[in-house]
PDB file of N, CA and C in Angstrom:
ATOM      1  N   MET A   1      25.105 121.477  67.243  1.00  0.00           N
ATOM      2  CA  MET A   1      25.916 122.290  68.144  1.00  0.00           C
ATOM      3  C   MET A   1      27.388 122.080  67.827  1.00  0.00           C
ATOM      4  N   ALA A   2      28.132 123.173  67.811  1.00  0.00           N
ATOM      5  CA  ALA A   2      29.562 123.108  67.521  1.00  0.00           C
ATOM      6  C   ALA A   2      30.310 122.438  68.671  1.00  0.00           C
ATOM      7  N   LYS A   3      31.376 121.772  68.321  1.00  0.00           N
ATOM      8  CA  LYS A   3      32.186 121.081  69.324  1.00  0.00           C
ATOM      9  C   LYS A   3      32.905 122.106  70.206  1.00  0.00           C
ATOM     10  N   GLN A   4      32.834 121.899  71.517  1.00  0.00           N
ATOM     11  CA  GLN A   4      33.482 122.800  72.466  1.00  0.00           C
ATOM     12  C   GLN A   4      34.576 122.072  73.239  1.00  0.00           C
ATOM     13  N   ARG A   5      35.578 122.850  73.629  1.00  0.00           N
ATOM     14  CA  ARG A   5      36.662 122.347  74.471  1.00  0.00           C
ATOM     15  C   ARG A   5      36.880 123.346  75.599  1.00  0.00           C
ATOM     16  N   ILE A   6      37.177 122.808  76.768  1.00  0.00           N
ATOM     17  CA  ILE A   6      37.474 123.667  77.915  1.00  0.00           C
ATOM     18  C   ILE A   6      38.925 123.445  78.310  1.00  0.00           C
ATOM     19  N   VAL A   7      39.642 124.548  78.451  1.00  0.00           N
ATOM     20  CA  VAL A   7      41.041 124.502  78.858  1.00  0.00           C
ATOM     21  C   VAL A   7      41.154 125.232  80.188  1.00  0.00           C
ATOM     22  N   ALA A   8      41.842 124.617  81.148  1.00  0.00           N
ATOM     23  CA  ALA A   8      42.024 125.226  82.472  1.00  0.00           C
ATOM     24  C   ALA A   8      43.430 125.816  82.571  1.00  0.00           C
ATOM     25  N   TYR A   9      43.492 127.089  82.963  1.00  0.00           N
ATOM     26  CA  TYR A   9      44.766 127.779  83.151  1.00  0.00           C
ATOM     27  C   TYR A   9      44.960 128.034  84.638  1.00  0.00           C
ATOM     28  N   ALA A  10      46.020 127.501  85.199  1.00  0.00           N
ATOM     29  CA  ALA A  10      46.288 127.655  86.628  1.00  0.00           C
ATOM     30  C   ALA A  10      46.457 129.134  86.980  1.00  0.00           C
ATOM     31  N   ALA A  11      45.838 129.535  88.084  1.00  0.00           N
ATOM     32  CA  ALA A  11      45.849 130.940  88.504  1.00  0.00           C
ATOM     33  C   ALA A  11      47.269 131.472  88.678  1.00  0.00           C
ATOM     34  N   ASP A  12      48.134 130.666  89.244  1.00  0.00           N
ATOM     35  CA  ASP A  12      49.489 131.141  89.529  1.00  0.00           C
ATOM     36  C   ASP A  12      50.401 131.193  88.304  1.00  0.00           C
ATOM     37  N   THR A  13      49.912 130.741  87.140  1.00  0.00           N
ATOM     38  CA  THR A  13      50.742 130.812  85.933  1.00  0.00           C
ATOM     39  C   THR A  13      50.433 132.042  85.086  1.00  0.00           C
ATOM     40  N   MET A  14      49.358 132.749  85.403  1.00  0.00           N
ATOM     41  CA  MET A  14      48.984 133.951  84.654  1.00  0.00           C
ATOM     42  C   MET A  14      49.421 135.180  85.443  1.00  0.00           C
ATOM     43  N   ASP A  15      50.511 135.797  85.002  1.00  0.00           N
ATOM     44  CA  ASP A  15      51.051 136.935  85.741  1.00  0.00           C
ATOM     45  C   ASP A  15      50.458 138.273  85.308  1.00  0.00           C
ATOM     46  N   SER A  16      49.712 138.265  84.188  1.00  0.00           N
ATOM     47  CA  SER A  16      49.075 139.501  83.718  1.00  0.00           C
ATOM     48  C   SER A  16      47.939 139.163  82.764  1.00  0.00           C
ATOM     49  N   LEU A  17      47.109 140.142  82.514  1.00  0.00           N
ATOM     50  CA  LEU A  17      46.022 139.969  81.559  1.00  0.00           C
ATOM     51  C   LEU A  17      46.598 139.741  80.157  1.00  0.00           C
ATOM     52  N   ALA A  18      47.714 140.386  79.859  1.00  0.00           N
ATOM     53  CA  ALA A  18      48.370 140.211  78.555  1.00  0.00           C
ATOM     54  C   ALA A  18      48.842 138.768  78.367  1.00  0.00           C
ATOM     55  N   THR A  19      49.334 138.145  79.416  1.00  0.00           N
ATOM     56  CA  THR A  19      49.764 136.747  79.332  1.00  0.00           C
ATOM     57  C   THR A  19      48.573 135.844  79.039  1.00  0.00           C
ATOM     58  N   LEU A  20      47.458 136.085  79.714  1.00  0.00           N
ATOM     59  CA  LEU A  20      46.258 135.291  79.455  1.00  0.00           C
ATOM     60  C   LEU A  20      45.776 135.504  78.016  1.00  0.00           C
ATOM     61  N   GLU A  21      45.815 136.735  77.549  1.00  0.00           N
ATOM     62  CA  GLU A  21      45.402 137.042  76.177  1.00  0.00           C
ATOM     63  C   GLU A  21      46.245 136.260  75.165  1.00  0.00           C
ATOM     64  N   ARG A  22      47.557 136.306  75.309  1.00  0.00           N
ATOM     65  CA  ARG A  22      48.448 135.579  74.387  1.00  0.00           C
ATOM     66  C   ARG A  22      48.226 134.072  74.475  1.00  0.00           C
ATOM     67  N   THR A  23      47.986 133.580  75.683  1.00  0.00           N
ATOM     68  CA  THR A  23      47.753 132.146  75.876  1.00  0.00           C
ATOM     69  C   THR A  23      46.469 131.715  75.166  1.00  0.00           C
ATOM     70  N   CYS A  24      45.422 132.513  75.291  1.00  0.00           N
ATOM     71  CA  CYS A  24      44.154 132.188  74.618  1.00  0.00           C
ATOM     72  C   CYS A  24      44.303 132.258  73.105  1.00  0.00           C
ATOM     73  N   GLU A  25      45.050 133.234  72.599  1.00  0.00           N
ATOM     74  CA  GLU A  25      45.290 133.314  71.154  1.00  0.00           C
ATOM     75  C   GLU A  25      46.049 132.082  70.657  1.00  0.00           C
ATOM     76  N   ARG A  26      47.049 131.664  71.418  1.00  0.00           N
ATOM     77  CA  ARG A  26      47.801 130.458  71.061  1.00  0.00           C
ATOM     78  C   ARG A  26      46.877 129.249  71.010  1.00  0.00           C
ATOM     79  N   ASP A  27      46.010 129.131  72.007  1.00  0.00           N
ATOM     80  CA  ASP A  27      45.118 127.971  72.050  1.00  0.00           C
ATOM     81  C   ASP A  27      44.022 128.029  70.986  1.00  0.00           C
ATOM     82  N   GLU A  28      43.597 129.230  70.613  1.00  0.00           N
ATOM     83  CA  GLU A  28      42.663 129.327  69.495  1.00  0.00           C
ATOM     84  C   GLU A  28      43.294 128.726  68.238  1.00  0.00           C
ATOM     85  N   ALA A  29      44.546 129.052  67.992  1.00  0.00           N
ATOM     86  CA  ALA A  29      45.242 128.527  66.812  1.00  0.00           C
ATOM     87  C   ALA A  29      45.473 127.026  66.941  1.00  0.00           C
ATOM     88  N   ARG A  30      45.912 126.602  68.099  1.00  0.00           N
ATOM     89  CA  ARG A  30      46.230 125.183  68.331  1.00  0.00           C
ATOM     90  C   ARG A  30      44.985 124.301  68.249  1.00  0.00           C
ATOM     91  N   LEU A  31      43.867 124.801  68.732  1.00  0.00           N
ATOM     92  CA  LEU A  31      42.632 124.013  68.769  1.00  0.00           C
ATOM     93  C   LEU A  31      41.713 124.261  67.566  1.00  0.00           C
ATOM     94  N   THR A  32      42.127 125.175  66.656  1.00  0.00           N
ATOM     95  CA  THR A  32      41.279 125.595  65.533  1.00  0.00           C
ATOM     96  C   THR A  32      39.895 125.955  66.067  1.00  0.00           C
ATOM     97  N   SER A  33      39.886 126.849  67.038  1.00  0.00           N
ATOM     98  CA  SER A  33      38.665 127.208  67.750  1.00  0.00           C
ATOM     99  C   SER A  33      38.662 128.684  68.096  1.00  0.00           C
ATOM    100  N   LYS A  34      37.485 129.181  68.482  1.00  0.00           N
ATOM    101  CA  LYS A  34      37.329 130.552  68.947  1.00  0.00           C
ATOM    102  C   LYS A  34      36.964 130.554  70.422  1.00  0.00           C
ATOM    103  N   LEU A  35      37.530 131.476  71.159  1.00  0.00           N
ATOM    104  CA  LEU A  35      37.180 131.652  72.565  1.00  0.00           C
ATOM    105  C   LEU A  35      35.726 132.085  72.664  1.00  0.00           C
ATOM    106  N   VAL A  36      34.948 131.452  73.559  1.00  0.00           N
ATOM    107  CA  VAL A  36      33.546 131.849  73.742  1.00  0.00           C
ATOM    108  C   VAL A  36      33.216 132.215  75.186  1.00  0.00           C
ATOM    109  N   SER A  37      34.045 131.793  76.160  1.00  0.00           N
ATOM    110  CA  SER A  37      33.764 132.201  77.543  1.00  0.00           C
ATOM    111  C   SER A  37      34.987 132.012  78.438  1.00  0.00           C
ATOM    112  N   LEU A  38      34.981 132.783  79.524  1.00  0.00           N
ATOM    113  CA  LEU A  38      35.993 132.691  80.586  1.00  0.00           C
ATOM    114  C   LEU A  38      35.256 132.652  81.909  1.00  0.00           C
ATOM    115  N   GLN A  39      35.687 131.770  82.807  1.00  0.00           N
ATOM    116  CA  GLN A  39      35.069 131.744  84.137  1.00  0.00           C
ATOM    117  C   GLN A  39      36.040 131.190  85.162  1.00  0.00           C
ATOM    118  N   LEU A  40      35.777 131.522  86.411  1.00  0.00           N
ATOM    119  CA  LEU A  40      36.582 131.021  87.517  1.00  0.00           C
ATOM    120  C   LEU A  40      36.167 129.591  87.827  1.00  0.00           C
ATOM    121  N   ALA A  41      37.133 128.786  88.208  1.00  0.00           N
ATOM    122  CA  ALA A  41      36.838 127.397  88.572  1.00  0.00           C
ATOM    123  C   ALA A  41      37.921 126.905  89.519  1.00  0.00           C
ATOM    124  N   SER A  42      37.708 125.714  90.040  1.00  0.00           N
ATOM    125  CA  SER A  42      38.759 125.071  90.833  1.00  0.00           C
ATOM    126  C   SER A  42      38.800 123.602  90.446  1.00  0.00           C
ATOM    127  N   ILE A  43      39.986 123.069  90.480  1.00  0.00           N
ATOM    128  CA  ILE A  43      40.179 121.662  90.141  1.00  0.00           C
ATOM    129  C   ILE A  43      40.029 120.853  91.418  1.00  0.00           C
ATOM    130  N   ASP A  44      39.373 119.738  91.323  1.00  0.00           N
ATOM    131  CA  ASP A  44      39.110 118.890  92.486  1.00  0.00           C
ATOM    132  C   ASP A  44      40.385 118.179  92.926  1.00  0.00           C
ATOM    133  N   THR A  45      41.187 118.907  93.702  1.00  0.00           N
ATOM    134  CA  THR A  45      42.414 118.346  94.283  1.00  0.00           C
ATOM    135  C   THR A  45      42.393 118.634  95.778  1.00  0.00           C
ATOM    136  N   VAL A  46      43.378 118.159  96.473  1.00  0.00           N
ATOM    137  CA  VAL A  46      43.464 118.374  97.918  1.00  0.00           C
ATOM    138  C   VAL A  46      43.463 119.866  98.246  1.00  0.00           C
ATOM    139  N   ASP A  47      44.207 120.642  97.461  1.00  0.00           N
ATOM    140  CA  ASP A  47      44.287 122.079  97.738  1.00  0.00           C
ATOM    141  C   ASP A  47      43.270 122.905  96.946  1.00  0.00           C
ATOM    142  N   GLY A  48      42.428 122.265  96.134  1.00  0.00           N
ATOM    143  CA  GLY A  48      41.408 122.988  95.369  1.00  0.00           C
ATOM    144  C   GLY A  48      42.002 124.049  94.468  1.00  0.00           C
ATOM    145  N   LYS A  49      42.974 123.666  93.655  1.00  0.00           N
ATOM    146  CA  LYS A  49      43.706 124.592  92.791  1.00  0.00           C
ATOM    147  C   LYS A  49      42.765 125.493  91.985  1.00  0.00           C
ATOM    148  N   LYS A  50      43.006 126.811  92.052  1.00  0.00           N
ATOM    149  CA  LYS A  50      42.208 127.785  91.328  1.00  0.00           C
ATOM    150  C   LYS A  50      42.652 127.843  89.871  1.00  0.00           C
ATOM    151  N   VAL A  51      41.668 127.901  88.958  1.00  0.00           N
ATOM    152  CA  VAL A  51      41.966 127.985  87.530  1.00  0.00           C
ATOM    153  C   VAL A  51      40.991 128.938  86.845  1.00  0.00           C
ATOM    154  N   THR A  52      41.403 129.408  85.687  1.00  0.00           N
ATOM    155  CA  THR A  52      40.500 130.099  84.778  1.00  0.00           C
ATOM    156  C   THR A  52      40.100 129.069  83.735  1.00  0.00           C
ATOM    157  N   ALA A  53      38.809 128.837  83.589  1.00  0.00           N
ATOM    158  CA  ALA A  53      38.316 127.884  82.587  1.00  0.00           C
ATOM    159  C   ALA A  53      37.923 128.667  81.336  1.00  0.00           C
ATOM    160  N   ALA A  54      38.628 128.392  80.243  1.00  0.00           N
ATOM    161  CA  ALA A  54      38.344 129.030  78.962  1.00  0.00           C
ATOM    162  C   ALA A  54      37.635 128.014  78.072  1.00  0.00           C
ATOM    163  N   THR A  55      36.485 128.397  77.553  1.00  0.00           N
ATOM    164  CA  THR A  55      35.735 127.518  76.659  1.00  0.00           C
ATOM    165  C   THR A  55      35.956 127.990  75.225  1.00  0.00           C
ATOM    166  N   TYR A  56      36.300 127.041  74.377  1.00  0.00           N
ATOM    167  CA  TYR A  56      36.556 127.303  72.960  1.00  0.00           C
ATOM    168  C   TYR A  56      35.562 126.516  72.126  1.00  0.00           C
ATOM    169  N   GLU A  57      35.152 127.107  71.012  1.00  0.00           N
ATOM    170  CA  GLU A  57      34.221 126.456  70.096  1.00  0.00           C
ATOM    171  C   GLU A  57      34.914 126.283  68.740  1.00  0.00           C
ATOM    172  N   ARG A  58      34.835 125.083  68.230  1.00  0.00           N
ATOM    173  CA  ARG A  58      35.468 124.734  66.951  1.00  0.00           C
ATOM    174  C   ARG A  58      35.012 125.668  65.830  1.00  0.00           C
ATOM    175  N   THR A  59      35.942 126.038  64.946  1.00  0.00           N
ATOM    176  CA  THR A  59      35.623 126.895  63.804  1.00  0.00           C
ATOM    177  C   THR A  59      36.349 126.396  62.563  1.00  0.00           C
ATOM    178  N   ASP A  60      35.798 126.704  61.410  1.00  0.00           N
ATOM    179  CA  ASP A  60      36.446 126.358  60.138  1.00  0.00           C
ATOM    180  C   ASP A  60      37.288 127.521  59.623  1.00  0.00           C
ATOM    181  N   GLU A  61      37.202 128.662  60.293  1.00  0.00           N
ATOM    182  CA  GLU A  61      37.966 129.837  59.861  1.00  0.00           C
ATOM    183  C   GLU A  61      39.452 129.614  60.107  1.00  0.00           C
ATOM    184  N   MET A  62      40.252 129.954  59.121  1.00  0.00           N
ATOM    185  CA  MET A  62      41.704 129.786  59.257  1.00  0.00           C
ATOM    186  C   MET A  62      42.324 130.907  60.095  1.00  0.00           C
ATOM    187  N   ARG A  63      41.809 132.132  59.944  1.00  0.00           N
ATOM    188  CA  ARG A  63      42.324 133.269  60.703  1.00  0.00           C
ATOM    189  C   ARG A  63      41.162 133.910  61.453  1.00  0.00           C
ATOM    190  N   VAL A  64      41.218 133.869  62.759  1.00  0.00           N
ATOM    191  CA  VAL A  64      40.120 134.434  63.551  1.00  0.00           C
ATOM    192  C   VAL A  64      40.434 135.829  64.082  1.00  0.00           C
ATOM    193  N   GLY A  65      41.690 136.253  64.013  1.00  0.00           N
ATOM    194  CA  GLY A  65      42.069 137.592  64.470  1.00  0.00           C
ATOM    195  C   GLY A  65      42.538 137.599  65.911  1.00  0.00           C
ATOM    196  N   HIS A  66      43.188 138.678  66.273  1.00  0.00           N
ATOM    197  CA  HIS A  66      43.736 138.826  67.626  1.00  0.00           C
ATOM    198  C   HIS A  66      42.654 139.189  68.625  1.00  0.00           C
ATOM    199  N   LEU A  67      42.874 138.772  69.853  1.00  0.00           N
ATOM    200  CA  LEU A  67      41.956 139.086  70.944  1.00  0.00           C
ATOM    201  C   LEU A  67      42.389 140.363  71.649  1.00  0.00           C
ATOM    202  N   ILE A  68      41.437 141.038  72.269  1.00  0.00           N
ATOM    203  CA  ILE A  68      41.700 142.220  73.087  1.00  0.00           C
ATOM    204  C   ILE A  68      41.068 141.959  74.449  1.00  0.00           C
ATOM    205  N   PHE A  69      41.872 141.822  75.492  1.00  0.00           N
ATOM    206  CA  PHE A  69      41.389 141.579  76.853  1.00  0.00           C
ATOM    207  C   PHE A  69      41.466 142.882  77.630  1.00  0.00           C
ATOM    208  N   GLU A  70      40.381 143.240  78.313  1.00  0.00           N
ATOM    209  CA  GLU A  70      40.354 144.433  79.143  1.00  0.00           C
ATOM    210  C   GLU A  70      39.671 144.115  80.468  1.00  0.00           C
ATOM    211  N   GLU A  71      40.190 144.713  81.523  1.00  0.00           N
ATOM    212  CA  GLU A  71      39.562 144.555  82.835  1.00  0.00           C
ATOM    213  C   GLU A  71      38.460 145.599  82.976  1.00  0.00           C
ATOM    214  N   PHE A  72      37.345 145.212  83.605  1.00  0.00           N
ATOM    215  CA  PHE A  72      36.265 146.169  83.865  1.00  0.00           C
ATOM    216  C   PHE A  72      35.872 146.102  85.330  1.00  0.00           C
ATOM    217  N   THR A  73      35.197 147.185  85.778  1.00  0.00           N
ATOM    218  CA  THR A  73      34.794 147.238  87.184  1.00  0.00           C
ATOM    219  C   THR A  73      33.284 147.232  87.367  1.00  0.00           C
ATOM    220  N   THR A  74      32.547 147.933  86.484  1.00  0.00           N
ATOM    221  CA  THR A  74      31.093 148.035  86.627  1.00  0.00           C
ATOM    222  C   THR A  74      30.408 147.699  85.299  1.00  0.00           C
ATOM    223  N   GLU A  75      29.103 147.511  85.349  1.00  0.00           N
ATOM    224  CA  GLU A  75      28.352 147.257  84.115  1.00  0.00           C
ATOM    225  C   GLU A  75      28.373 148.487  83.214  1.00  0.00           C
ATOM    226  N   ASN A  76      28.421 149.679  83.795  1.00  0.00           N
ATOM    227  CA  ASN A  76      28.547 150.896  82.999  1.00  0.00           C
ATOM    228  C   ASN A  76      29.881 150.888  82.251  1.00  0.00           C
ATOM    229  N   ASP A  77      30.927 150.442  82.904  1.00  0.00           N
ATOM    230  CA  ASP A  77      32.246 150.303  82.287  1.00  0.00           C
ATOM    231  C   ASP A  77      32.164 149.347  81.086  1.00  0.00           C
ATOM    232  N   VAL A  78      31.433 148.254  81.244  1.00  0.00           N
ATOM    233  CA  VAL A  78      31.232 147.288  80.152  1.00  0.00           C
ATOM    234  C   VAL A  78      30.545 147.975  78.976  1.00  0.00           C
ATOM    235  N   ASP A  79      29.484 148.728  79.263  1.00  0.00           N
ATOM    236  CA  ASP A  79      28.740 149.413  78.203  1.00  0.00           C
ATOM    237  C   ASP A  79      29.624 150.401  77.440  1.00  0.00           C
ATOM    238  N   VAL A  80      30.430 151.166  78.167  1.00  0.00           N
ATOM    239  CA  VAL A  80      31.314 152.150  77.539  1.00  0.00           C
ATOM    240  C   VAL A  80      32.359 151.445  76.672  1.00  0.00           C
ATOM    241  N   ARG A  81      32.988 150.411  77.206  1.00  0.00           N
ATOM    242  CA  ARG A  81      34.006 149.676  76.442  1.00  0.00           C
ATOM    243  C   ARG A  81      33.397 149.030  75.197  1.00  0.00           C
ATOM    244  N   THR A  82      32.205 148.480  75.333  1.00  0.00           N
ATOM    245  CA  THR A  82      31.532 147.848  74.198  1.00  0.00           C
ATOM    246  C   THR A  82      31.236 148.881  73.112  1.00  0.00           C
ATOM    247  N   ALA A  83      30.774 150.054  73.500  1.00  0.00           N
ATOM    248  CA  ALA A  83      30.474 151.117  72.532  1.00  0.00           C
ATOM    249  C   ALA A  83      31.739 151.571  71.803  1.00  0.00           C
ATOM    250  N   ILE A  84      32.830 151.726  72.536  1.00  0.00           N
ATOM    251  CA  ILE A  84      34.100 152.142  71.928  1.00  0.00           C
ATOM    252  C   ILE A  84      34.558 151.116  70.892  1.00  0.00           C
ATOM    253  N   HIS A  85      34.523 149.850  71.259  1.00  0.00           N
ATOM    254  CA  HIS A  85      34.991 148.810  70.333  1.00  0.00           C
ATOM    255  C   HIS A  85      34.043 148.636  69.155  1.00  0.00           C
ATOM    256  N   LYS A  86      32.773 148.883  69.376  1.00  0.00           N
ATOM    257  CA  LYS A  86      31.805 148.781  68.273  1.00  0.00           C
ATOM    258  C   LYS A  86      32.120 149.817  67.199  1.00  0.00           C
ATOM    259  N   THR A  87      32.499 151.034  67.607  1.00  0.00           N
ATOM    260  CA  THR A  87      32.846 152.075  66.628  1.00  0.00           C
ATOM    261  C   THR A  87      34.095 151.702  65.840  1.00  0.00           C
ATOM    262  N   LYS A  88      34.940 150.844  66.399  1.00  0.00           N
ATOM    263  CA  LYS A  88      36.157 150.386  65.720  1.00  0.00           C
ATOM    264  C   LYS A  88      35.931 149.087  64.950  1.00  0.00           C
ATOM    265  N   THR A  89      34.692 148.622  64.909  1.00  0.00           N
ATOM    266  CA  THR A  89      34.319 147.354  64.268  1.00  0.00           C
ATOM    267  C   THR A  89      35.108 146.193  64.872  1.00  0.00           C
ATOM    268  N   GLU A  90      35.243 146.209  66.197  1.00  0.00           N
ATOM    269  CA  GLU A  90      35.905 145.131  66.935  1.00  0.00           C
ATOM    270  C   GLU A  90      34.824 144.404  67.734  1.00  0.00           C
ATOM    271  N   PRO A  91      34.403 143.237  67.265  1.00  0.00           N
ATOM    272  CA  PRO A  91      33.257 142.564  67.884  1.00  0.00           C
ATOM    273  C   PRO A  91      33.514 142.053  69.305  1.00  0.00           C
ATOM    274  N   PHE A  92      32.438 142.055  70.074  1.00  0.00           N
ATOM    275  CA  PHE A  92      32.422 141.492  71.422  1.00  0.00           C
ATOM    276  C   PHE A  92      32.596 139.980  71.328  1.00  0.00           C
ATOM    277  N   VAL A  93      33.436 139.405  72.190  1.00  0.00           N
ATOM    278  CA  VAL A  93      33.658 137.956  72.231  1.00  0.00           C
ATOM    279  C   VAL A  93      32.969 137.371  73.456  1.00  0.00           C
ATOM    280  N   CYS A  94      33.319 137.879  74.640  1.00  0.00           N
ATOM    281  CA  CYS A  94      32.714 137.370  75.869  1.00  0.00           C
ATOM    282  C   CYS A  94      33.029 138.295  77.032  1.00  0.00           C
ATOM    283  N   LYS A  95      32.300 138.084  78.106  1.00  0.00           N
ATOM    284  CA  LYS A  95      32.514 138.793  79.366  1.00  0.00           C
ATOM    285  C   LYS A  95      32.557 137.727  80.443  1.00  0.00           C
ATOM    286  N   GLY A  96      33.559 137.780  81.323  1.00  0.00           N
ATOM    287  CA  GLY A  96      33.648 136.768  82.368  1.00  0.00           C
ATOM    288  C   GLY A  96      34.656 137.163  83.430  1.00  0.00           C
ATOM    289  N   GLN A  97      35.203 136.149  84.057  1.00  0.00           N
ATOM    290  CA  GLN A  97      36.192 136.383  85.100  1.00  0.00           C
ATOM    291  C   GLN A  97      37.391 135.482  84.867  1.00  0.00           C
ATOM    292  N   ALA A  98      38.547 135.950  85.349  1.00  0.00           N
ATOM    293  CA  ALA A  98      39.778 135.189  85.204  1.00  0.00           C
ATOM    294  C   ALA A  98      40.665 135.424  86.421  1.00  0.00           C
ATOM    295  N   PHE A  99      41.492 134.435  86.722  1.00  0.00           N
ATOM    296  CA  PHE A  99      42.486 134.591  87.782  1.00  0.00           C
ATOM    297  C   PHE A  99      43.769 135.142  87.187  1.00  0.00           C
ATOM    298  N   ILE A 100      44.254 136.246  87.780  1.00  0.00           N
ATOM    299  CA  ILE A 100      45.541 136.825  87.423  1.00  0.00           C
ATOM    300  C   ILE A 100      46.328 136.920  88.727  1.00  0.00           C
ATOM    301  N   LYS A 101      47.459 136.219  88.783  1.00  0.00           N
ATOM    302  CA  LYS A 101      48.258 136.155  90.025  1.00  0.00           C
ATOM    303  C   LYS A 101      47.382 135.747  91.205  1.00  0.00           C
ATOM    304  N   THR A 102      46.533 134.810  91.022  1.00  0.00           N
ATOM    305  CA  THR A 102      45.607 134.243  92.013  1.00  0.00           C
ATOM    306  C   THR A 102      44.488 135.191  92.453  1.00  0.00           C
ATOM    307  N   ASP A 103      44.427 136.417  91.895  1.00  0.00           N
ATOM    308  CA  ASP A 103      43.334 137.353  92.184  1.00  0.00           C
ATOM    309  C   ASP A 103      42.306 137.270  91.058  1.00  0.00           C
ATOM    310  N   SER A 104      41.019 137.291  91.398  1.00  0.00           N
ATOM    311  CA  SER A 104      39.997 137.248  90.358  1.00  0.00           C
ATOM    312  C   SER A 104      39.806 138.646  89.769  1.00  0.00           C
ATOM    313  N   LYS A 105      39.663 138.680  88.448  1.00  0.00           N
ATOM    314  CA  LYS A 105      39.470 139.932  87.710  1.00  0.00           C
ATOM    315  C   LYS A 105      38.258 139.787  86.801  1.00  0.00           C
ATOM    316  N   ASN A 106      37.496 140.863  86.658  1.00  0.00           N
ATOM    317  CA  ASN A 106      36.411 140.905  85.687  1.00  0.00           C
ATOM    318  C   ASN A 106      37.021 141.260  84.333  1.00  0.00           C
ATOM    319  N   VAL A 107      36.717 140.454  83.321  1.00  0.00           N
ATOM    320  CA  VAL A 107      37.363 140.613  82.016  1.00  0.00           C
ATOM    321  C   VAL A 107      36.307 140.674  80.911  1.00  0.00           C
ATOM    322  N   ILE A 108      36.518 141.600  79.979  1.00  0.00           N
ATOM    323  CA  ILE A 108      35.713 141.655  78.770  1.00  0.00           C
ATOM    324  C   ILE A 108      36.666 141.472  77.595  1.00  0.00           C
ATOM    325  N   VAL A 109      36.216 140.708  76.600  1.00  0.00           N
ATOM    326  CA  VAL A 109      37.087 140.349  75.480  1.00  0.00           C
ATOM    327  C   VAL A 109      36.430 140.776  74.166  1.00  0.00           C
ATOM    328  N   PHE A 110      37.253 141.380  73.315  1.00  0.00           N
ATOM    329  CA  PHE A 110      36.845 141.766  71.969  1.00  0.00           C
ATOM    330  C   PHE A 110      37.822 141.139  70.981  1.00  0.00           C
ATOM    331  N   ARG A 111      37.486 141.203  69.713  1.00  0.00           N
ATOM    332  CA  ARG A 111      38.389 140.688  68.676  1.00  0.00           C
ATOM    333  C   ARG A 111      38.765 141.847  67.753  1.00  0.00           C
ATOM    334  N   GLU A 112      40.069 141.968  67.497  1.00  0.00           N
ATOM    335  CA  GLU A 112      40.539 143.038  66.634  1.00  0.00           C
ATOM    336  C   GLU A 112      39.916 142.951  65.254  1.00  0.00           C
ATOM    337  N   LYS A 113      39.688 144.104  64.665  1.00  0.00           N
ATOM    338  CA  LYS A 113      39.152 144.179  63.312  1.00  0.00           C
ATOM    339  C   LYS A 113      40.144 143.518  62.361  1.00  0.00           C
ATOM    340  N   GLN A 114      39.629 142.639  61.506  1.00  0.00           N
ATOM    341  CA  GLN A 114      40.499 141.957  60.548  1.00  0.00           C
ATOM    342  C   GLN A 114      40.702 142.864  59.343  1.00  0.00           C
ATOM    343  N   GLN A 115      41.927 142.877  58.854  1.00  0.00           N
ATOM    344  CA  GLN A 115      42.291 143.710  57.691  1.00  0.00           C
ATOM    345  C   GLN A 115      41.903 143.036  56.406  1.00  0.00           C
TER     346      GLN A 115
END
């Protein structure tokens, strides 16, 4: 099994989906890893701080490509977005949830086609 790392991003530090996307791309490079999941979590503190837990899996690839984060509302929305990205040869990365400005959002992630 590949080595995994989990990074927690505080809900109040992510002001947009684009900020979370850039943060995950930075951490993929820093950790030499690929994003494999996003989920809601809370840190065991007095106030139960809300976080987005991003799981990364170690990779030997030097360039993994840019991420594409999109918000979805229904499973049909997921299917449509997946079909669109498949035609562009942009592979599915994960589907999960993330905190943006302390609100939970349903997120689907793809990876841009590498040139």
